Amino acid sequence: MKASIKDHFLVFIEKFNVPENLKIYIPKILNEEEVKILNFLIDKEEKISDIISKFPSTGTLLIKSLYQRGYLIRQLRRGENYYKSNTLDQILKRFVNHSQKFKDLTDKEKIHFQEFITGMYLKKMRASKKPVYRVVPIEETIQDKRQLIPYHKAIYYIQKSSALALIDCICRTTFMRCNKAREVCIALGEQAEFFVERGIGKMIDIQEGQRILDLAEESGLVHSINNKKNPNFLCNCCECCCVFVEALKKRGIITSIGKSGFIALLDLELCNQCGICLEKCIFGAISHEKEILQFDADRCFGCGLCAYNCPLSAIKLVLNENK
């Protein structure tokens, strides 16, 4: 007997281990044909011709649509494309960041997806032995430019990348707690090609990449890079939406985001105690005690936002000798 629509969704929920609070939303994300294909490809790779042979009512366009949305993974083998289902984490991540259907949900409905995204990243941070992301300082705020090496420069990652794609910040798209710019995250190399091919990112050049860095600094966003040998994301983070900053400040997860290697140094003779730096620091490294600004080196992540926004240039970043 042919399986009912309900049965196909139940199989998906079981195979992909969908959390209880998201089960009712699967039919809003996927239709019956899409669910059948994903169920079939969860543990195997198949060519389009073999998929269509299994599901005659399925067309090439549907398979390509699933791939474009990031729900299917494609691998080139022996000159032919093979497709496999992506993980639930990645399917829901692509849905939240790039689907109009997510934007159409009510605020109450979105909470369940926001909780899932938060949990996904928290799991990754807790399992990591080193910070998942790392702060990159604003270059012009470094006191001694001779201390700068490529590792410290945001523009370095843009200049060395084989491809650049401008994409929406998943944190601000997911949580929408502020009105700061969303289209300021940059995918690098093969990751850039991944997004552009799916129509969910646009290819940019080095000059545009520099403009995005400038926009981020003016918007009070912190440059960060995923902390691995060959980074594929250069993000620009805010205090209110970024799951990595939130994990550090509210949950004390030190493997969420790492320091840049610099700290802010205040010249009290130049400082007029205006407090702009206090407002701009997202890591809580600056306080106002007895009418004097105090800088906590242990809490400083060396992003440079305080120095960038100081109207009197009373703050500079210096190499942290005690890191």
C-alpha atoms as a PDB file:
ATOM      1  CA  MET A   1       0.000   0.000   0.000  1.00  0.00           C
ATOM      2  CA  LYS A   2       1.262   3.408  -0.929  1.00  0.00           C
ATOM      3  CA  ALA A   3       2.529   5.399   2.040  1.00  0.00           C
ATOM      4  CA  SER A   4       0.388   8.382   2.974  1.00  0.00           C
ATOM      5  CA  ILE A   5       1.607  11.957   2.998  1.00  0.00           C
ATOM      6  CA  LYS A   6       1.588  11.843   6.774  1.00  0.00           C
ATOM      7  CA  ASP A   7       3.767   8.722   6.728  1.00  0.00           C
ATOM      8  CA  HIS A   8       6.434  10.409   4.579  1.00  0.00           C
ATOM      9  CA  PHE A   9       6.695  13.284   7.024  1.00  0.00           C
ATOM     10  CA  LEU A  10       6.825  10.912   9.999  1.00  0.00           C
ATOM     11  CA  VAL A  11       9.678   9.039   8.324  1.00  0.00           C
ATOM     12  CA  PHE A  12      11.524  12.335   7.783  1.00  0.00           C
ATOM     13  CA  ILE A  13      10.997  13.353  11.402  1.00  0.00           C
ATOM     14  CA  GLU A  14      12.375  10.027  12.590  1.00  0.00           C
ATOM     15  CA  LYS A  15      15.288   9.732  10.142  1.00  0.00           C
ATOM     16  CA  PHE A  16      16.458  13.325  10.632  1.00  0.00           C
ATOM     17  CA  ASN A  17      15.794  13.287  14.392  1.00  0.00           C
ATOM     18  CA  VAL A  18      13.662  16.450  14.295  1.00  0.00           C
ATOM     19  CA  PRO A  19      13.205  18.072  17.733  1.00  0.00           C
ATOM     20  CA  GLU A  20       9.732  17.838  19.221  1.00  0.00           C
ATOM     21  CA  ASN A  21       8.974  21.562  18.986  1.00  0.00           C
ATOM     22  CA  LEU A  22       9.848  21.686  15.266  1.00  0.00           C
ATOM     23  CA  LYS A  23       7.927  18.620  14.077  1.00  0.00           C
ATOM     24  CA  ILE A  24       4.778  20.554  13.171  1.00  0.00           C
ATOM     25  CA  TYR A  25       6.799  22.955  10.990  1.00  0.00           C
ATOM     26  CA  ILE A  26       8.314  20.380   8.626  1.00  0.00           C
ATOM     27  CA  PRO A  27       5.277  20.534   6.267  1.00  0.00           C
ATOM     28  CA  LYS A  28       5.778  24.315   6.136  1.00  0.00           C
ATOM     29  CA  ILE A  29       9.383  23.881   5.048  1.00  0.00           C
ATOM     30  CA  LEU A  30       9.036  20.927   2.665  1.00  0.00           C
ATOM     31  CA  ASN A  31       6.343  19.400   0.487  1.00  0.00           C
ATOM     32  CA  GLU A  32       5.636  15.690   0.084  1.00  0.00           C
ATOM     33  CA  GLU A  33       7.876  15.140  -2.963  1.00  0.00           C
ATOM     34  CA  GLU A  34      10.795  16.928  -1.326  1.00  0.00           C
ATOM     35  CA  VAL A  35      10.430  14.883   1.853  1.00  0.00           C
ATOM     36  CA  LYS A  36      10.423  11.611  -0.109  1.00  0.00           C
ATOM     37  CA  ILE A  37      13.645  12.538  -1.903  1.00  0.00           C
ATOM     38  CA  LEU A  38      15.401  13.630   1.285  1.00  0.00           C
ATOM     39  CA  ASN A  39      14.322  10.436   3.055  1.00  0.00           C
ATOM     40  CA  PHE A  40      15.686   8.371   0.167  1.00  0.00           C
ATOM     41  CA  LEU A  41      19.029  10.199   0.045  1.00  0.00           C
ATOM     42  CA  ILE A  42      19.772  10.486   3.753  1.00  0.00           C
ATOM     43  CA  ASP A  43      22.223   7.566   3.709  1.00  0.00           C
ATOM     44  CA  LYS A  44      23.231   7.289   0.049  1.00  0.00           C
ATOM     45  CA  GLU A  45      24.440   9.241  -2.984  1.00  0.00           C
ATOM     46  CA  GLU A  46      22.531   8.901  -6.252  1.00  0.00           C
ATOM     47  CA  LYS A  47      22.528  10.386  -9.761  1.00  0.00           C
ATOM     48  CA  ILE A  48      19.528  12.403 -10.923  1.00  0.00           C
ATOM     49  CA  SER A  49      18.557   9.632 -13.352  1.00  0.00           C
ATOM     50  CA  ASP A  50      18.468   7.086 -10.520  1.00  0.00           C
ATOM     51  CA  ILE A  51      16.448   9.410  -8.294  1.00  0.00           C
ATOM     52  CA  ILE A  52      13.889   9.979 -11.039  1.00  0.00           C
ATOM     53  CA  SER A  53      13.805   6.240 -11.725  1.00  0.00           C
ATOM     54  CA  LYS A  54      12.908   5.707  -8.065  1.00  0.00           C
ATOM     55  CA  PHE A  55      10.373   8.535  -8.076  1.00  0.00           C
ATOM     56  CA  PRO A  56       8.984   8.885 -11.641  1.00  0.00           C
ATOM     57  CA  SER A  57       6.841  11.887 -10.702  1.00  0.00           C
ATOM     58  CA  THR A  58       9.955  13.788  -9.620  1.00  0.00           C
ATOM     59  CA  GLY A  59      11.510  16.125 -12.168  1.00  0.00           C
ATOM     60  CA  THR A  60      15.031  17.426 -12.584  1.00  0.00           C
ATOM     61  CA  LEU A  61      13.903  20.901 -11.555  1.00  0.00           C
ATOM     62  CA  LEU A  62      12.780  19.715  -8.123  1.00  0.00           C
ATOM     63  CA  ILE A  63      16.113  18.045  -7.420  1.00  0.00           C
ATOM     64  CA  LYS A  64      17.988  21.117  -8.561  1.00  0.00           C
ATOM     65  CA  SER A  65      15.718  23.273  -6.397  1.00  0.00           C
ATOM     66  CA  LEU A  66      16.582  21.215  -3.323  1.00  0.00           C
ATOM     67  CA  TYR A  67      20.242  21.592  -4.180  1.00  0.00           C
ATOM     68  CA  GLN A  68      19.928  25.348  -4.762  1.00  0.00           C
ATOM     69  CA  ARG A  69      18.351  25.782  -1.341  1.00  0.00           C
ATOM     70  CA  GLY A  70      21.154  23.810   0.276  1.00  0.00           C
ATOM     71  CA  TYR A  71      18.972  20.863   1.282  1.00  0.00           C
ATOM     72  CA  LEU A  72      20.928  18.496  -0.957  1.00  0.00           C
ATOM     73  CA  ILE A  73      24.712  18.113  -1.244  1.00  0.00           C
ATOM     74  CA  ARG A  74      26.222  17.496  -4.672  1.00  0.00           C
ATOM     75  CA  GLN A  75      29.467  15.688  -5.405  1.00  0.00           C
ATOM     76  CA  LEU A  76      31.135  15.192  -8.789  1.00  0.00           C
ATOM     77  CA  ARG A  77      32.179  11.556  -9.202  1.00  0.00           C
ATOM     78  CA  ARG A  78      33.501   9.977 -12.362  1.00  0.00           C
ATOM     79  CA  GLY A  79      32.246  12.905 -14.406  1.00  0.00           C
ATOM     80  CA  GLU A  80      28.686  12.747 -13.035  1.00  0.00           C
ATOM     81  CA  ASN A  81      26.860  14.624 -10.271  1.00  0.00           C
ATOM     82  CA  TYR A  82      25.713  12.608  -7.279  1.00  0.00           C
ATOM     83  CA  TYR A  83      23.269  13.969  -4.703  1.00  0.00           C
ATOM     84  CA  LYS A  84      22.844  13.270  -0.991  1.00  0.00           C
ATOM     85  CA  SER A  85      20.653  14.809   1.711  1.00  0.00           C
ATOM     86  CA  ASN A  86      22.214  17.492   3.858  1.00  0.00           C
ATOM     87  CA  THR A  87      22.005  17.240   7.651  1.00  0.00           C
ATOM     88  CA  LEU A  88      19.019  18.616   9.543  1.00  0.00           C
ATOM     89  CA  ASP A  89      21.291  21.287  11.048  1.00  0.00           C
ATOM     90  CA  GLN A  90      22.230  22.556   7.599  1.00  0.00           C
ATOM     91  CA  ILE A  91      18.714  22.238   6.160  1.00  0.00           C
ATOM     92  CA  LEU A  92      17.230  24.340   8.951  1.00  0.00           C
ATOM     93  CA  LYS A  93      20.144  26.764   8.843  1.00  0.00           C
ATOM     94  CA  ARG A  94      19.576  27.370   5.102  1.00  0.00           C
ATOM     95  CA  PHE A  95      15.828  27.648   5.685  1.00  0.00           C
ATOM     96  CA  VAL A  96      16.237  30.301   8.371  1.00  0.00           C
ATOM     97  CA  ASN A  97      18.880  32.326   6.554  1.00  0.00           C
ATOM     98  CA  HIS A  98      17.571  32.233   3.001  1.00  0.00           C
ATOM     99  CA  SER A  99      13.917  31.241   2.781  1.00  0.00           C
ATOM    100  CA  GLN A 100      11.044  33.680   2.504  1.00  0.00           C
ATOM    101  CA  LYS A 101       8.954  31.073   4.315  1.00  0.00           C
ATOM    102  CA  PHE A 102      10.918  31.728   7.504  1.00  0.00           C
ATOM    103  CA  LYS A 103      10.360  35.468   7.189  1.00  0.00           C
ATOM    104  CA  ASP A 104       6.629  34.797   6.825  1.00  0.00           C
ATOM    105  CA  LEU A 105       6.418  32.935  10.147  1.00  0.00           C
ATOM    106  CA  THR A 106       5.041  34.730  13.200  1.00  0.00           C
ATOM    107  CA  ASP A 107       7.438  35.910  15.897  1.00  0.00           C
ATOM    108  CA  LYS A 108       6.130  33.143  18.157  1.00  0.00           C
ATOM    109  CA  GLU A 109       6.840  30.508  15.503  1.00  0.00           C
ATOM    110  CA  LYS A 110      10.314  31.876  14.819  1.00  0.00           C
ATOM    111  CA  ILE A 111      11.324  31.354  18.446  1.00  0.00           C
ATOM    112  CA  HIS A 112      11.510  27.571  17.922  1.00  0.00           C
ATOM    113  CA  PHE A 113      13.937  27.985  15.028  1.00  0.00           C
ATOM    114  CA  GLN A 114      15.950  30.578  16.932  1.00  0.00           C
ATOM    115  CA  GLU A 115      16.327  28.130  19.810  1.00  0.00           C
ATOM    116  CA  PHE A 116      17.428  25.410  17.396  1.00  0.00           C
ATOM    117  CA  ILE A 117      20.059  27.618  15.735  1.00  0.00           C
ATOM    118  CA  THR A 118      21.368  28.717  19.141  1.00  0.00           C
ATOM    119  CA  GLY A 119      21.574  25.113  20.339  1.00  0.00           C
ATOM    120  CA  MET A 120      23.354  24.039  17.148  1.00  0.00           C
ATOM    121  CA  TYR A 121      26.106  26.617  17.592  1.00  0.00           C
ATOM    122  CA  LEU A 122      26.380  26.064  21.363  1.00  0.00           C
ATOM    123  CA  LYS A 123      26.955  22.357  20.752  1.00  0.00           C
ATOM    124  CA  LYS A 124      29.739  23.181  18.318  1.00  0.00           C
ATOM    125  CA  MET A 125      31.378  25.640  20.719  1.00  0.00           C
ATOM    126  CA  ARG A 126      31.257  23.275  23.688  1.00  0.00           C
ATOM    127  CA  ALA A 127      32.748  20.455  21.643  1.00  0.00           C
ATOM    128  CA  SER A 128      35.607  22.580  20.321  1.00  0.00           C
ATOM    129  CA  LYS A 129      39.019  22.643  22.006  1.00  0.00           C
ATOM    130  CA  LYS A 130      39.772  26.121  20.683  1.00  0.00           C
ATOM    131  CA  PRO A 131      37.669  29.212  19.886  1.00  0.00           C
ATOM    132  CA  VAL A 132      35.350  28.599  16.939  1.00  0.00           C
ATOM    133  CA  TYR A 133      35.722  32.210  15.791  1.00  0.00           C
ATOM    134  CA  ARG A 134      38.478  34.751  16.351  1.00  0.00           C
ATOM    135  CA  VAL A 135      38.365  38.546  16.510  1.00  0.00           C
ATOM    136  CA  VAL A 136      40.339  40.423  13.844  1.00  0.00           C
ATOM    137  CA  PRO A 137      41.342  43.977  14.869  1.00  0.00           C
ATOM    138  CA  ILE A 138      40.521  47.148  12.969  1.00  0.00           C
ATOM    139  CA  GLU A 139      43.819  47.730  11.233  1.00  0.00           C
ATOM    140  CA  GLU A 140      44.010  51.514  11.524  1.00  0.00           C
ATOM    141  CA  THR A 141      43.667  51.367  15.316  1.00  0.00           C
ATOM    142  CA  ILE A 142      46.964  49.507  15.820  1.00  0.00           C
ATOM    143  CA  GLN A 143      49.540  51.787  17.451  1.00  0.00           C
ATOM    144  CA  ASP A 144      52.604  50.141  15.918  1.00  0.00           C
ATOM    145  CA  LYS A 145      51.838  48.845  12.439  1.00  0.00           C
ATOM    146  CA  ARG A 146      55.045  46.801  12.498  1.00  0.00           C
ATOM    147  CA  GLN A 147      53.277  44.470  14.921  1.00  0.00           C
ATOM    148  CA  LEU A 148      50.753  43.599  12.232  1.00  0.00           C
ATOM    149  CA  ILE A 149      51.173  40.346  10.368  1.00  0.00           C
ATOM    150  CA  PRO A 150      48.740  38.992   7.746  1.00  0.00           C
ATOM    151  CA  TYR A 151      47.059  36.851  10.435  1.00  0.00           C
ATOM    152  CA  HIS A 152      45.823  40.071  12.082  1.00  0.00           C
ATOM    153  CA  LYS A 153      44.397  41.754   8.978  1.00  0.00           C
ATOM    154  CA  ALA A 154      40.805  41.363   7.841  1.00  0.00           C
ATOM    155  CA  ILE A 155      41.731  42.601   4.382  1.00  0.00           C
ATOM    156  CA  TYR A 156      44.358  39.866   4.125  1.00  0.00           C
ATOM    157  CA  TYR A 157      41.705  37.151   4.021  1.00  0.00           C
ATOM    158  CA  ILE A 158      39.812  39.070   1.350  1.00  0.00           C
ATOM    159  CA  GLN A 159      42.891  39.632  -0.804  1.00  0.00           C
ATOM    160  CA  LYS A 160      44.105  36.012  -0.632  1.00  0.00           C
ATOM    161  CA  SER A 161      40.723  34.409  -1.323  1.00  0.00           C
ATOM    162  CA  SER A 162      40.049  32.855  -4.737  1.00  0.00           C
ATOM    163  CA  ALA A 163      36.435  34.074  -4.565  1.00  0.00           C
ATOM    164  CA  LEU A 164      34.343  36.375  -2.381  1.00  0.00           C
ATOM    165  CA  ALA A 165      30.586  36.305  -1.833  1.00  0.00           C
ATOM    166  CA  LEU A 166      28.495  38.760   0.133  1.00  0.00           C
ATOM    167  CA  ILE A 167      25.840  37.009   2.230  1.00  0.00           C
ATOM    168  CA  ASP A 168      23.364  37.854   4.964  1.00  0.00           C
ATOM    169  CA  CYS A 169      24.481  37.507   8.568  1.00  0.00           C
ATOM    170  CA  ILE A 170      22.729  34.401   9.868  1.00  0.00           C
ATOM    171  CA  CYS A 171      22.644  35.730  13.431  1.00  0.00           C
ATOM    172  CA  ARG A 172      20.905  39.014  12.611  1.00  0.00           C
ATOM    173  CA  THR A 173      18.618  37.280  10.098  1.00  0.00           C
ATOM    174  CA  THR A 174      17.656  34.687  12.705  1.00  0.00           C
ATOM    175  CA  PHE A 175      17.218  36.854  15.792  1.00  0.00           C
ATOM    176  CA  MET A 176      16.440  40.317  14.367  1.00  0.00           C
ATOM    177  CA  ARG A 177      17.244  42.069  17.659  1.00  0.00           C
ATOM    178  CA  CYS A 178      18.797  45.123  16.015  1.00  0.00           C
ATOM    179  CA  ASN A 179      18.638  47.101  12.782  1.00  0.00           C
ATOM    180  CA  LYS A 180      22.337  46.915  11.990  1.00  0.00           C
ATOM    181  CA  ALA A 181      23.361  45.904   8.479  1.00  0.00           C
ATOM    182  CA  ARG A 182      22.729  42.233   7.643  1.00  0.00           C
ATOM    183  CA  GLU A 183      24.440  41.934   4.272  1.00  0.00           C
ATOM    184  CA  VAL A 184      27.959  42.310   5.668  1.00  0.00           C
ATOM    185  CA  CYS A 185      29.251  38.758   6.010  1.00  0.00           C
ATOM    186  CA  ILE A 186      31.744  37.517   3.432  1.00  0.00           C
ATOM    187  CA  ALA A 187      32.149  33.894   2.361  1.00  0.00           C
ATOM    188  CA  LEU A 188      35.615  33.005   1.103  1.00  0.00           C
ATOM    189  CA  GLY A 189      36.920  30.638  -1.567  1.00  0.00           C
ATOM    190  CA  GLU A 190      34.899  27.489  -2.210  1.00  0.00           C
ATOM    191  CA  GLN A 191      32.334  28.585   0.371  1.00  0.00           C
ATOM    192  CA  ALA A 192      31.746  31.736  -1.678  1.00  0.00           C
ATOM    193  CA  GLU A 193      31.188  29.642  -4.795  1.00  0.00           C
ATOM    194  CA  PHE A 194      28.774  27.442  -2.809  1.00  0.00           C
ATOM    195  CA  PHE A 195      26.550  30.421  -1.991  1.00  0.00           C
ATOM    196  CA  VAL A 196      26.762  32.129  -5.371  1.00  0.00           C
ATOM    197  CA  GLU A 197      25.886  28.930  -7.216  1.00  0.00           C
ATOM    198  CA  ARG A 198      22.731  28.702  -5.127  1.00  0.00           C
ATOM    199  CA  GLY A 199      21.756  32.313  -5.703  1.00  0.00           C
ATOM    200  CA  ILE A 200      21.934  33.134  -1.993  1.00  0.00           C
ATOM    201  CA  GLY A 201      25.064  35.238  -2.189  1.00  0.00           C
ATOM    202  CA  LYS A 202      26.516  37.636  -4.718  1.00  0.00           C
ATOM    203  CA  MET A 203      30.073  37.622  -5.998  1.00  0.00           C
ATOM    204  CA  ILE A 204      32.085  40.704  -5.054  1.00  0.00           C
ATOM    205  CA  ASP A 205      35.607  41.942  -5.733  1.00  0.00           C
ATOM    206  CA  ILE A 206      38.345  43.052  -3.335  1.00  0.00           C
ATOM    207  CA  GLN A 207      37.295  46.708  -3.507  1.00  0.00           C
ATOM    208  CA  GLU A 208      33.738  45.828  -2.515  1.00  0.00           C
ATOM    209  CA  GLY A 209      35.114  43.628   0.251  1.00  0.00           C
ATOM    210  CA  GLN A 210      37.044  46.597   1.642  1.00  0.00           C
ATOM    211  CA  ARG A 211      33.876  48.705   1.462  1.00  0.00           C
ATOM    212  CA  ILE A 212      32.046  46.078   3.525  1.00  0.00           C
ATOM    213  CA  LEU A 213      34.803  46.176   6.154  1.00  0.00           C
ATOM    214  CA  ASP A 214      34.518  49.968   6.291  1.00  0.00           C
ATOM    215  CA  LEU A 215      30.724  49.751   6.604  1.00  0.00           C
ATOM    216  CA  ALA A 216      31.034  47.226   9.424  1.00  0.00           C
ATOM    217  CA  GLU A 217      33.439  49.452  11.355  1.00  0.00           C
ATOM    218  CA  GLU A 218      31.175  52.477  10.925  1.00  0.00           C
ATOM    219  CA  SER A 219      28.210  50.370  12.091  1.00  0.00           C
ATOM    220  CA  GLY A 220      29.959  49.273  15.281  1.00  0.00           C
ATOM    221  CA  LEU A 221      30.429  45.658  14.201  1.00  0.00           C
ATOM    222  CA  VAL A 222      33.358  43.455  15.199  1.00  0.00           C
ATOM    223  CA  HIS A 223      35.384  41.680  12.501  1.00  0.00           C
ATOM    224  CA  SER A 224      35.747  37.952  13.133  1.00  0.00           C
ATOM    225  CA  ILE A 225      37.011  34.964  11.185  1.00  0.00           C
ATOM    226  CA  ASN A 226      36.258  31.295  11.699  1.00  0.00           C
ATOM    227  CA  ASN A 227      39.289  30.092  13.565  1.00  0.00           C
ATOM    228  CA  LYS A 228      40.916  27.483  11.359  1.00  0.00           C
ATOM    229  CA  LYS A 229      43.863  27.145   9.004  1.00  0.00           C
ATOM    230  CA  ASN A 230      41.916  28.131   5.896  1.00  0.00           C
ATOM    231  CA  PRO A 231      38.972  30.278   7.049  1.00  0.00           C
ATOM    232  CA  ASN A 232      35.912  30.372   4.811  1.00  0.00           C
ATOM    233  CA  PHE A 233      33.905  33.063   6.592  1.00  0.00           C
ATOM    234  CA  LEU A 234      34.705  36.646   7.546  1.00  0.00           C
ATOM    235  CA  CYS A 235      31.845  37.868   9.712  1.00  0.00           C
ATOM    236  CA  ASN A 236      30.951  41.213  11.259  1.00  0.00           C
ATOM    237  CA  CYS A 237      29.331  40.692  14.634  1.00  0.00           C
ATOM    238  CA  CYS A 238      27.033  42.697  16.895  1.00  0.00           C
ATOM    239  CA  GLU A 239      26.449  42.300  20.607  1.00  0.00           C
ATOM    240  CA  CYS A 240      22.706  41.735  20.437  1.00  0.00           C
ATOM    241  CA  CYS A 241      22.412  38.962  17.826  1.00  0.00           C
ATOM    242  CA  CYS A 242      25.761  37.159  17.519  1.00  0.00           C
ATOM    243  CA  VAL A 243      25.489  33.686  19.071  1.00  0.00           C
ATOM    244  CA  PHE A 244      29.251  33.577  19.652  1.00  0.00           C
ATOM    245  CA  VAL A 245      29.376  36.849  21.597  1.00  0.00           C
ATOM    246  CA  GLU A 246      26.267  35.832  23.536  1.00  0.00           C
ATOM    247  CA  ALA A 247      27.772  32.443  24.375  1.00  0.00           C
ATOM    248  CA  LEU A 248      30.872  34.141  25.734  1.00  0.00           C
ATOM    249  CA  LYS A 249      29.174  36.893  27.737  1.00  0.00           C
ATOM    250  CA  LYS A 250      26.052  35.154  28.999  1.00  0.00           C
ATOM    251  CA  ARG A 251      27.144  31.517  29.166  1.00  0.00           C
ATOM    252  CA  GLY A 252      30.882  31.840  29.797  1.00  0.00           C
ATOM    253  CA  ILE A 253      31.830  29.549  26.909  1.00  0.00           C
ATOM    254  CA  ILE A 254      35.439  30.535  26.248  1.00  0.00           C
ATOM    255  CA  THR A 255      35.621  28.412  23.098  1.00  0.00           C
ATOM    256  CA  SER A 256      33.036  30.605  21.387  1.00  0.00           C
ATOM    257  CA  ILE A 257      35.256  33.438  20.186  1.00  0.00           C
ATOM    258  CA  GLY A 258      38.971  34.144  20.614  1.00  0.00           C
ATOM    259  CA  LYS A 259      40.929  37.336  21.113  1.00  0.00           C
ATOM    260  CA  SER A 260      42.819  39.184  18.389  1.00  0.00           C
ATOM    261  CA  GLY A 261      46.141  39.282  20.243  1.00  0.00           C
ATOM    262  CA  PHE A 262      45.877  43.028  20.904  1.00  0.00           C
ATOM    263  CA  ILE A 263      44.477  45.091  23.768  1.00  0.00           C
ATOM    264  CA  ALA A 264      43.227  48.665  23.980  1.00  0.00           C
ATOM    265  CA  LEU A 265      45.455  51.212  25.688  1.00  0.00           C
ATOM    266  CA  LEU A 266      44.004  54.538  26.888  1.00  0.00           C
ATOM    267  CA  ASP A 267      46.037  57.741  26.992  1.00  0.00           C
ATOM    268  CA  LEU A 268      44.511  59.582  29.958  1.00  0.00           C
ATOM    269  CA  GLU A 269      46.194  62.844  28.963  1.00  0.00           C
ATOM    270  CA  LEU A 270      44.274  62.894  25.666  1.00  0.00           C
ATOM    271  CA  CYS A 271      41.019  61.461  27.030  1.00  0.00           C
ATOM    272  CA  ASN A 272      38.181  63.867  27.920  1.00  0.00           C
ATOM    273  CA  GLN A 273      36.055  61.100  29.513  1.00  0.00           C
ATOM    274  CA  CYS A 274      33.293  61.406  26.895  1.00  0.00           C
ATOM    275  CA  GLY A 275      32.349  57.743  27.317  1.00  0.00           C
ATOM    276  CA  ILE A 276      31.902  56.910  23.639  1.00  0.00           C
ATOM    277  CA  CYS A 277      34.300  53.976  23.991  1.00  0.00           C
ATOM    278  CA  LEU A 278      32.207  52.636  26.866  1.00  0.00           C
ATOM    279  CA  GLU A 279      29.152  52.610  24.614  1.00  0.00           C
ATOM    280  CA  LYS A 280      30.981  50.942  21.717  1.00  0.00           C
ATOM    281  CA  CYS A 281      32.688  48.094  23.588  1.00  0.00           C
ATOM    282  CA  ILE A 282      30.635  44.922  23.156  1.00  0.00           C
ATOM    283  CA  PHE A 283      32.826  42.785  25.428  1.00  0.00           C
ATOM    284  CA  GLY A 284      32.351  44.769  28.640  1.00  0.00           C
ATOM    285  CA  ALA A 285      36.041  45.637  28.922  1.00  0.00           C
ATOM    286  CA  ILE A 286      35.465  49.316  29.759  1.00  0.00           C
ATOM    287  CA  SER A 287      33.860  50.732  32.879  1.00  0.00           C
ATOM    288  CA  HIS A 288      33.405  54.176  34.431  1.00  0.00           C
ATOM    289  CA  GLU A 289      34.586  54.271  38.018  1.00  0.00           C
ATOM    290  CA  LYS A 290      34.987  57.409  40.149  1.00  0.00           C
ATOM    291  CA  GLU A 291      34.470  59.522  36.987  1.00  0.00           C
ATOM    292  CA  ILE A 292      37.431  57.855  35.265  1.00  0.00           C
ATOM    293  CA  LEU A 293      37.289  55.325  32.441  1.00  0.00           C
ATOM    294  CA  GLN A 294      38.848  52.006  33.325  1.00  0.00           C
ATOM    295  CA  PHE A 295      40.080  49.412  30.794  1.00  0.00           C
ATOM    296  CA  ASP A 296      40.126  45.729  31.792  1.00  0.00           C
ATOM    297  CA  ALA A 297      42.843  43.972  29.776  1.00  0.00           C
ATOM    298  CA  ASP A 298      41.468  40.534  30.664  1.00  0.00           C
ATOM    299  CA  ARG A 299      38.109  41.341  29.096  1.00  0.00           C
ATOM    300  CA  CYS A 300      39.475  43.189  26.079  1.00  0.00           C
ATOM    301  CA  PHE A 301      39.320  41.207  22.839  1.00  0.00           C
ATOM    302  CA  GLY A 302      41.317  43.713  20.811  1.00  0.00           C
ATOM    303  CA  CYS A 303      38.639  44.429  18.199  1.00  0.00           C
ATOM    304  CA  GLY A 304      39.486  48.140  18.014  1.00  0.00           C
ATOM    305  CA  LEU A 305      35.940  49.541  18.052  1.00  0.00           C
ATOM    306  CA  CYS A 306      36.735  51.783  21.029  1.00  0.00           C
ATOM    307  CA  ALA A 307      39.831  53.207  19.307  1.00  0.00           C
ATOM    308  CA  TYR A 308      38.039  53.574  15.965  1.00  0.00           C
ATOM    309  CA  ASN A 309      35.271  55.652  17.553  1.00  0.00           C
ATOM    310  CA  CYS A 310      37.395  57.770  19.914  1.00  0.00           C
ATOM    311  CA  PRO A 311      37.063  61.386  18.692  1.00  0.00           C
ATOM    312  CA  LEU A 312      40.401  62.385  20.246  1.00  0.00           C
ATOM    313  CA  SER A 313      42.419  59.312  19.190  1.00  0.00           C
ATOM    314  CA  ALA A 314      43.118  58.690  22.855  1.00  0.00           C
ATOM    315  CA  ILE A 315      42.956  54.910  22.417  1.00  0.00           C
ATOM    316  CA  LYS A 316      45.203  52.623  20.408  1.00  0.00           C
ATOM    317  CA  LEU A 317      45.590  48.878  20.169  1.00  0.00           C
ATOM    318  CA  VAL A 318      48.897  47.415  21.330  1.00  0.00           C
ATOM    319  CA  LEU A 319      50.192  43.875  21.171  1.00  0.00           C
ATOM    320  CA  ASN A 320      49.090  41.908  24.210  1.00  0.00           C
ATOM    321  CA  GLU A 321      52.346  40.682  25.695  1.00  0.00           C
ATOM    322  CA  ASN A 322      50.509  38.536  28.266  1.00  0.00           C
ATOM    323  CA  LYS A 323      48.233  36.619  25.903  1.00  0.00           C
END
